[in-house]
Protein backbone atom coordinates (compact mmCIF):
# COMPACT_ATOMS: atom_id res chain seq x y z
CA UNK A 1 32.51 92.64 178.03
CA UNK A 2 28.81 92.54 175.87
CA UNK A 3 28.16 96.37 175.41
CA UNK A 4 23.69 97.19 175.94
CA UNK A 5 22.48 96.81 171.32
CA UNK A 6 21.00 100.73 172.81
CA UNK A 7 24.97 101.86 172.69
CA UNK A 8 25.48 100.09 169.83
CA UNK A 9 26.62 100.64 166.18
CA UNK A 10 24.36 99.84 163.94
CA UNK A 11 25.26 98.54 159.71
CA UNK A 12 23.29 97.27 157.20
CA UNK A 13 25.05 95.49 154.75
CA UNK A 14 22.69 94.43 151.31
CA UNK A 15 24.19 92.63 149.41
CA UNK A 16 22.05 92.91 145.28
CA UNK A 17 18.99 93.45 146.87
CA UNK A 18 19.06 89.69 147.53
CA UNK A 19 20.49 89.26 151.55
CA UNK A 20 20.40 91.73 154.11
CA UNK A 21 22.38 91.54 157.37
CA UNK A 22 21.69 94.17 160.42
CA UNK A 23 23.21 95.43 163.73
CA UNK A 24 21.44 97.00 166.94
CA UNK A 25 18.13 94.87 165.99
CA UNK A 26 16.57 94.54 169.06
CA UNK A 27 13.26 92.74 168.09
CA UNK A 28 11.13 92.15 165.17
CA UNK A 29 8.36 93.12 165.71
CA UNK A 30 6.46 91.87 162.49
CA UNK A 31 7.16 89.47 160.05
CA UNK A 32 5.59 87.69 156.46
CA UNK A 33 7.12 86.85 152.88
CA UNK A 34 6.02 90.62 152.05
CA UNK A 35 7.22 92.91 154.96
CA UNK A 36 9.49 92.21 158.34
CA UNK A 37 9.16 95.39 161.03
CA UNK A 38 12.42 95.04 163.51
CA UNK A 39 12.52 97.60 166.42
CA UNK A 40 16.73 98.46 166.26
CA UNK A 41 18.66 100.94 168.33
CA UNK A 42 17.69 103.65 165.54
CA UNK A 43 14.22 103.24 165.72
CA UNK A 44 11.51 101.74 163.98
CA UNK A 45 12.99 99.26 160.90
CA UNK A 46 10.72 98.20 157.50
CA UNK A 47 11.82 95.95 155.02
CA UNK A 48 9.62 95.12 152.25
CA UNK A 49 10.39 93.50 149.43
CA UNK A 50 9.10 90.07 148.79
CA UNK A 51 9.28 85.82 149.80
CA UNK A 52 11.92 87.35 152.79
CA UNK A 53 12.72 84.83 155.19
CA UNK A 54 14.47 85.39 158.33
CA UNK A 55 17.60 83.42 158.27
CA UNK A 56 19.31 84.69 162.08
CA UNK A 57 18.16 87.13 165.68
CA UNK A 58 20.98 86.98 167.24
CA UNK A 59 19.44 89.40 170.52
CA UNK A 60 22.53 89.54 173.21
CA UNK A 61 24.40 91.14 169.73
CA UNK A 62 21.83 92.50 167.84
CA UNK A 63 22.99 90.65 164.79
CA UNK A 64 20.06 89.93 161.82
CA UNK A 65 20.15 88.65 159.28
CA UNK A 66 17.30 87.89 156.02
CA UNK A 67 17.87 86.54 151.88
CA UNK A 68 14.41 87.72 149.64
CA UNK A 69 14.01 90.16 147.15
CA UNK A 70 14.45 93.55 149.17
CA UNK A 71 12.81 96.81 147.59
CA UNK A 72 13.20 99.74 150.50
CA UNK A 73 14.01 99.93 154.12
CA UNK A 74 12.76 102.82 155.87
CA UNK A 75 12.69 104.51 159.66
CA UNK A 76 9.49 105.20 161.23
CA UNK A 77 11.29 106.67 164.13
CA UNK A 78 14.21 106.79 166.06
CA UNK A 79 14.42 105.53 169.44
CA UNK A 80 14.76 108.09 172.62
CA UNK A 81 13.05 107.81 175.59
CA UNK A 82 11.78 111.28 174.87
CA UNK A 83 10.22 110.13 171.77
CA UNK A 84 8.03 107.48 173.47
CA UNK A 85 6.50 109.27 175.90
CA UNK A 86 6.23 112.48 173.52
CA UNK A 87 3.56 109.58 171.91
CA UNK A 88 2.22 107.99 174.77
CA UNK A 89 0.97 112.09 176.57
CA UNK A 90 -0.32 113.38 172.77
């Protein structure tokens, strides 16, 4: 039985700043060779770097991987219903 992605733990594995693997990814919001924005079980994650190439996103399991030179990983919020409603009704 598969667990919903929102209940899966999130793990980030960065190997020598060249290969990145993440679990708990729901969707890719945007991507370019210098920036990838992911919707994860813990909120929006912005990955910045150079020559970034998405290798895989398995939507059923939430597994994601990319290659390139990673310079930063930044969470910009938490994925909770309260935060979503707070943004809608400002």
